[in-house]
Amino acid sequence: MVNVMMLIYLRCVLFVIVCNHNIYNVVIGYISKMLGQYVIAFREALEASLIVVIILSYLSRTYRAMLSRYVWIGVYSAIVTSILIGILIFSSYGMLDKDSQLLFEAIAAFTAVVVLSYVVRWMALKRRYIREEVERKIEEVSSSRSIIGLISFSYIIVFREGLETVLFLTPFVITDISTTLVGAILALASSLLFSYTIFIIGIKMNLKTFFYYTSMLLIFIAGGLAGYGVHEFIEYLEVKNISLGWLAEPAYMIDIPMENLLHHKNIIGSILAVMFGYTVKAEWLRLIIHILYLATMLPIIFLTYRRKLP
């Protein structure tokens, strides 16, 4: 009887261990898949939230806090508009046939790369003067008591970041909508908390250093998106019986099975895939574009941050 009870106990313990291990793998896998989306959304949401906090704190310092509600109207309207645009883009993708979806994914990835590169460079050039420019504009608008102007300014600021986020996340939404949405929501919450601690509580932080390292990380993510876009474009051309010759042939193939953690669809590999464009198999054109992009953009961003602005 004792042996039977012991056997049942051991089986229960083994079952719990296996279940916990499976849950752990699922959670880690989910987090790894949404890491890139989180970084992109966090950076964009942080830029928007920092500017909104600058506006609100300036209105408070100049004894015009009663105008803050108009700022929030613009903010909420911009968020709703961005979400609607995201829904429209995703719905349009769903209505396409499979061949057109390949082309859509390629175009979405290339668009994200272009806009992301521009935004990172723009922030590197304008980082020192953002606060002064925002406060000057708010002074002009609030002094004239223009409610529409205040709503419009806050709307444009947030909508610009929201639209950029939608464009950046579109390639990720197409492949995995749930992890992208979770990553974006967590990023929004984190950015609001981060902005609050910096400007309201007064915690000191070197924002130049923060934006420098996140900019470099975003460039690596954009490089991966560029490679992904090339891959989808090659697949589209193959469907249309258009050959690119050796450029569409594999440049390398790593013999790693899918159940291996280092496979780009498994836990560790998926993190590297999202953050750096890692894959176990890549065409020559994909590899060339990926390397050329990083070789061009990394030095540009590095030198821009190193340069002393006037």
Protein backbone atom coordinates (compact mmCIF):
# COMPACT_ATOMS: atom_id res chain seq x y z
CA MET A 1 0.00 0.00 0.00
CA VAL A 2 2.85 2.32 0.93
CA ASN A 3 4.62 1.55 -2.36
CA VAL A 4 1.45 2.36 -4.32
CA MET A 5 1.01 5.69 -2.51
CA MET A 6 4.66 6.53 -3.08
CA LEU A 7 4.33 5.75 -6.78
CA ILE A 8 1.26 7.96 -7.07
CA TYR A 9 3.09 10.75 -5.23
CA LEU A 10 6.11 10.52 -7.50
CA ARG A 11 3.91 10.60 -10.59
CA CYS A 12 2.14 13.70 -9.28
CA VAL A 13 5.46 15.41 -8.60
CA LEU A 14 6.72 14.48 -12.06
CA PHE A 15 3.50 15.80 -13.61
CA VAL A 16 3.86 19.13 -11.79
CA ILE A 17 7.51 19.45 -12.86
CA VAL A 18 6.66 18.74 -16.50
CA CYS A 19 3.74 21.20 -16.45
CA ASN A 20 5.84 23.93 -14.85
CA HIS A 21 8.62 23.31 -17.38
CA ASN A 22 6.17 23.56 -20.28
CA ILE A 23 4.63 26.74 -18.85
CA TYR A 24 8.11 28.20 -18.39
CA ASN A 25 9.00 27.45 -22.02
CA VAL A 26 5.76 28.95 -23.26
CA VAL A 27 6.24 32.15 -21.23
CA ILE A 28 9.90 32.56 -22.25
CA GLY A 29 9.01 31.85 -25.88
CA TYR A 30 6.23 34.43 -25.79
CA ILE A 31 8.48 37.06 -24.26
CA SER A 32 11.24 36.39 -26.78
CA LYS A 33 8.82 36.80 -29.69
CA MET A 34 7.54 40.19 -28.51
CA LEU A 35 10.91 41.66 -27.50
CA GLY A 36 11.56 43.47 -30.78
CA GLN A 37 8.01 44.83 -30.93
CA TYR A 38 8.35 46.01 -27.34
CA VAL A 39 11.60 47.88 -28.03
CA ILE A 40 10.19 49.63 -31.11
CA ALA A 41 6.89 50.60 -29.47
CA PHE A 42 8.63 51.64 -26.23
CA ARG A 43 11.01 53.97 -28.04
CA GLU A 44 8.24 55.62 -30.07
CA ALA A 45 5.81 55.82 -27.15
CA LEU A 46 8.56 57.27 -24.96
CA GLU A 47 9.26 60.05 -27.45
CA ALA A 48 5.57 60.95 -27.57
CA SER A 49 5.05 60.71 -23.80
CA LEU A 50 8.15 62.80 -23.06
CA ILE A 51 6.90 65.58 -25.32
CA VAL A 52 3.42 65.43 -23.76
CA VAL A 53 4.96 65.63 -20.29
CA ILE A 54 7.04 68.64 -21.41
CA ILE A 55 3.83 70.35 -22.58
CA LEU A 56 1.95 69.59 -19.36
CA SER A 57 4.81 70.60 -17.08
CA TYR A 58 5.29 73.85 -19.00
CA LEU A 59 1.60 74.71 -18.71
CA SER A 60 1.79 73.95 -14.99
CA ARG A 61 4.90 76.12 -14.47
CA THR A 62 3.29 79.04 -16.31
CA TYR A 63 0.05 78.76 -14.28
CA ARG A 64 -2.03 77.59 -17.24
CA ALA A 65 -2.76 74.09 -16.02
CA MET A 66 -6.43 74.58 -16.87
CA LEU A 67 -5.45 74.22 -20.53
CA SER A 68 -4.14 70.68 -19.94
CA ARG A 69 -7.50 69.11 -20.76
CA TYR A 70 -7.18 70.33 -24.34
CA VAL A 71 -3.77 68.66 -24.57
CA TRP A 72 -5.35 65.37 -23.48
CA ILE A 73 -8.09 65.74 -26.08
CA GLY A 74 -5.42 65.93 -28.77
CA VAL A 75 -3.52 62.99 -27.26
CA TYR A 76 -6.55 60.69 -27.03
CA SER A 77 -7.70 61.64 -30.53
CA ALA A 78 -4.25 60.85 -31.96
CA ILE A 79 -4.14 57.45 -30.23
CA VAL A 80 -7.59 56.52 -31.56
CA THR A 81 -6.65 57.64 -35.08
CA SER A 82 -3.42 55.60 -35.00
CA ILE A 83 -5.29 52.49 -33.84
CA LEU A 84 -7.88 52.91 -36.59
CA ILE A 85 -5.14 53.21 -39.22
CA GLY A 86 -3.50 50.06 -37.85
CA ILE A 87 -6.82 48.18 -38.06
CA LEU A 88 -7.33 49.45 -41.62
CA ILE A 89 -3.87 48.27 -42.72
CA PHE A 90 -4.30 44.84 -41.12
CA SER A 91 -7.79 44.46 -42.61
CA SER A 92 -6.47 45.37 -46.06
CA TYR A 93 -3.79 42.70 -45.71
CA GLY A 94 -6.42 40.09 -44.82
CA MET A 95 -8.37 40.79 -48.00
CA LEU A 96 -5.39 40.11 -50.26
CA ASP A 97 -4.64 36.79 -51.91
CA LYS A 98 -1.57 34.85 -50.77
CA ASP A 99 0.64 36.07 -53.61
CA SER A 100 -0.22 39.71 -52.93
CA GLN A 101 0.32 39.18 -49.21
CA LEU A 102 3.95 38.31 -49.91
CA LEU A 103 4.40 41.59 -51.77
CA PHE A 104 2.51 43.48 -49.04
CA GLU A 105 4.80 42.03 -46.37
CA ALA A 106 7.88 43.06 -48.36
CA ILE A 107 6.59 46.61 -48.90
CA ALA A 108 5.56 46.91 -45.23
CA ALA A 109 9.04 45.82 -44.12
CA PHE A 110 10.83 48.21 -46.50
CA THR A 111 8.55 51.09 -45.45
CA ALA A 112 9.26 50.38 -41.79
CA VAL A 113 13.01 50.36 -42.46
CA VAL A 114 12.96 53.70 -44.31
CA VAL A 115 10.79 55.49 -41.74
CA LEU A 116 12.63 53.95 -38.78
CA SER A 117 16.00 55.01 -40.19
CA TYR A 118 14.76 58.55 -40.78
CA VAL A 119 13.26 58.85 -37.29
CA VAL A 120 16.39 57.57 -35.56
CA ARG A 121 18.57 60.03 -37.50
CA TRP A 122 16.15 62.90 -36.87
CA MET A 123 16.16 62.25 -33.12
CA ALA A 124 19.96 62.13 -33.13
CA LEU A 125 20.09 65.58 -34.78
CA LYS A 126 17.25 67.26 -32.85
CA ARG A 127 17.63 65.72 -29.40
CA ARG A 128 19.13 68.83 -27.76
CA TYR A 129 16.49 71.29 -28.92
CA ILE A 130 13.26 69.31 -28.57
CA ARG A 131 12.31 70.76 -25.19
CA GLU A 132 13.00 74.37 -26.25
CA GLU A 133 11.08 73.97 -29.52
CA VAL A 134 8.08 72.38 -27.83
CA GLU A 135 7.90 75.03 -25.09
CA ARG A 136 8.24 77.85 -27.65
CA LYS A 137 5.38 76.43 -29.70
CA ILE A 138 3.19 75.92 -26.64
CA GLU A 139 3.88 79.49 -25.53
CA GLU A 140 2.72 80.78 -28.90
CA VAL A 141 -0.44 78.67 -28.89
CA SER A 142 -1.40 79.13 -25.23
CA SER A 143 -0.72 82.88 -25.23
CA SER A 144 -3.23 83.35 -28.01
CA ARG A 145 -5.74 81.22 -26.07
CA SER A 146 -6.19 79.09 -29.16
CA ILE A 147 -7.93 75.93 -27.96
CA ILE A 148 -7.91 74.46 -31.47
CA GLY A 149 -4.21 75.23 -31.78
CA LEU A 150 -3.37 73.48 -28.51
CA ILE A 151 -5.43 70.43 -29.43
CA SER A 152 -3.93 70.34 -32.91
CA PHE A 153 -0.33 70.64 -31.68
CA SER A 154 -0.65 67.81 -29.15
CA TYR A 155 -2.57 65.75 -31.73
CA ILE A 156 0.14 66.14 -34.37
CA ILE A 157 2.93 65.31 -31.91
CA VAL A 158 1.31 62.08 -30.72
CA PHE A 159 -0.16 61.08 -34.10
CA ARG A 160 3.25 61.32 -35.75
CA GLU A 161 4.71 58.89 -33.24
CA GLY A 162 1.59 56.70 -33.41
CA LEU A 163 1.72 56.48 -37.20
CA GLU A 164 5.40 55.64 -37.10
CA THR A 165 4.68 52.89 -34.57
CA VAL A 166 1.94 51.46 -36.78
CA LEU A 167 4.30 51.40 -39.77
CA PHE A 168 7.11 49.81 -37.74
CA LEU A 169 4.89 47.14 -36.21
CA THR A 170 2.98 46.21 -39.38
CA PRO A 171 5.49 43.51 -40.45
CA PHE A 172 5.29 42.01 -36.95
CA VAL A 173 1.48 42.19 -36.77
CA ILE A 174 1.24 40.27 -40.03
CA THR A 175 3.32 37.39 -38.70
CA ASP A 176 2.13 37.35 -35.05
CA ILE A 177 -0.64 39.73 -34.00
CA SER A 178 -1.04 38.60 -30.36
CA THR A 179 2.60 39.04 -29.28
CA THR A 180 2.80 42.35 -31.15
CA LEU A 181 -0.26 43.76 -29.41
CA VAL A 182 0.92 42.59 -25.98
CA GLY A 183 4.37 44.05 -26.62
CA ALA A 184 2.90 47.37 -27.77
CA ILE A 185 0.58 47.64 -24.75
CA LEU A 186 3.40 46.85 -22.30
CA ALA A 187 5.64 49.33 -24.10
CA LEU A 188 3.02 52.08 -23.81
CA ALA A 189 2.58 51.46 -20.09
CA SER A 190 6.36 51.34 -19.52
CA SER A 191 6.97 54.56 -21.45
CA LEU A 192 4.33 56.46 -19.46
CA LEU A 193 5.84 55.25 -16.18
CA PHE A 194 9.33 56.08 -17.41
CA SER A 195 8.33 59.61 -18.43
CA TYR A 196 6.56 60.15 -15.12
CA THR A 197 9.61 59.16 -13.08
CA ILE A 198 11.92 61.41 -15.12
CA PHE A 199 9.90 64.62 -15.31
CA ILE A 200 7.37 64.48 -12.46
CA ILE A 201 9.32 62.74 -9.70
CA GLY A 202 12.54 64.30 -10.93
CA ILE A 203 14.79 61.26 -11.29
CA LYS A 204 17.92 62.26 -13.19
CA MET A 205 18.89 60.27 -16.23
CA ASN A 206 21.17 60.84 -19.18
CA LEU A 207 18.62 60.77 -22.01
CA LYS A 208 21.35 61.24 -24.61
CA THR A 209 22.92 57.93 -23.55
CA PHE A 210 19.53 56.23 -23.44
CA PHE A 211 18.54 57.37 -26.92
CA TYR A 212 21.99 56.54 -28.28
CA TYR A 213 21.85 52.89 -27.24
CA THR A 214 18.19 52.44 -28.18
CA SER A 215 18.93 54.06 -31.55
CA MET A 216 21.72 51.57 -32.22
CA LEU A 217 19.43 48.72 -31.18
CA LEU A 218 16.67 49.99 -33.49
CA ILE A 219 19.13 50.06 -36.38
CA PHE A 220 19.90 46.37 -35.77
CA ILE A 221 16.16 45.64 -35.72
CA ALA A 222 15.68 47.65 -38.92
CA GLY A 223 18.50 45.67 -40.54
CA GLY A 224 16.64 42.47 -39.73
CA LEU A 225 13.44 43.93 -41.19
CA ALA A 226 15.31 44.85 -44.37
CA GLY A 227 16.49 41.26 -44.69
CA TYR A 228 13.00 39.94 -43.99
CA GLY A 229 11.54 42.25 -46.65
CA VAL A 230 14.05 40.97 -49.20
CA HIS A 231 13.17 37.37 -48.31
CA GLU A 232 9.44 38.00 -48.81
CA PHE A 233 10.11 39.84 -52.08
CA ILE A 234 12.17 36.92 -53.38
CA GLU A 235 9.35 34.52 -52.51
CA TYR A 236 6.90 36.79 -54.35
CA LEU A 237 9.11 36.81 -57.46
CA GLU A 238 9.39 33.02 -57.33
CA VAL A 239 5.60 32.71 -57.29
CA LYS A 240 5.51 34.95 -60.36
CA ASN A 241 8.21 32.81 -62.04
CA ILE A 242 10.74 35.65 -61.99
CA SER A 243 14.29 34.47 -61.31
CA LEU A 244 17.02 36.54 -59.68
CA GLY A 245 19.63 33.89 -60.40
CA TRP A 246 22.32 33.38 -57.78
CA LEU A 247 20.99 36.27 -55.70
CA ALA A 248 17.98 34.14 -54.74
CA GLU A 249 20.12 31.11 -53.89
CA PRO A 250 21.04 30.35 -50.25
CA ALA A 251 24.18 32.12 -49.09
CA TYR A 252 24.36 29.79 -46.11
CA MET A 253 22.34 27.08 -44.38
CA ILE A 254 22.93 26.22 -40.72
CA ASP A 255 22.01 22.64 -39.91
CA ILE A 256 19.95 23.37 -36.79
CA PRO A 257 16.68 21.47 -36.28
CA MET A 258 13.56 23.44 -35.36
CA GLU A 259 13.41 21.90 -31.87
CA ASN A 260 16.88 23.30 -31.13
CA LEU A 261 16.81 26.45 -28.95
CA LEU A 262 19.08 28.23 -31.45
CA HIS A 263 16.68 27.81 -34.37
CA HIS A 264 15.22 31.18 -35.38
CA LYS A 265 11.72 29.92 -34.55
CA ASN A 266 12.67 28.67 -31.09
CA ILE A 267 13.26 30.55 -27.82
CA ILE A 268 16.85 31.80 -28.08
CA GLY A 269 16.92 31.94 -31.86
CA SER A 270 13.70 33.96 -32.04
CA ILE A 271 15.22 36.65 -29.80
CA LEU A 272 18.23 36.90 -32.11
CA ALA A 273 15.91 36.85 -35.14
CA VAL A 274 13.79 39.76 -33.94
CA MET A 275 16.65 41.85 -32.56
CA PHE A 276 19.34 41.17 -35.18
CA GLY A 277 17.68 39.45 -38.15
CA TYR A 278 19.20 36.06 -37.37
CA THR A 279 18.02 33.11 -39.47
CA VAL A 280 19.32 29.60 -40.13
CA LYS A 281 18.99 30.14 -43.88
CA ALA A 282 19.42 33.30 -45.94
CA GLU A 283 19.55 34.13 -49.64
CA TRP A 284 22.50 36.05 -51.07
CA LEU A 285 20.44 39.17 -51.77
CA ARG A 286 19.03 39.15 -48.24
CA LEU A 287 22.51 38.84 -46.76
CA ILE A 288 23.93 41.59 -48.97
CA ILE A 289 21.14 44.08 -48.21
CA HIS A 290 21.31 43.32 -44.49
CA ILE A 291 25.08 43.87 -44.33
CA LEU A 292 25.00 47.00 -46.52
CA TYR A 293 22.27 48.55 -44.39
CA LEU A 294 24.13 47.98 -41.12
CA ALA A 295 27.45 49.07 -42.63
CA THR A 296 25.80 52.34 -43.72
CA MET A 297 23.47 53.23 -40.83
CA LEU A 298 25.52 52.19 -37.79
CA PRO A 299 28.44 54.57 -38.59
CA ILE A 300 25.98 57.38 -39.47
CA ILE A 301 24.16 57.16 -36.14
CA PHE A 302 27.39 56.68 -34.20
CA LEU A 303 29.03 59.75 -35.77
CA THR A 304 25.85 61.84 -35.39
CA TYR A 305 25.74 61.23 -31.64
CA ARG A 306 29.49 61.81 -31.33
CA ARG A 307 29.25 65.15 -33.12
CA LYS A 308 28.85 68.18 -30.91
CA LEU A 309 25.71 70.04 -31.88
CA PRO A 310 25.88 73.86 -32.10
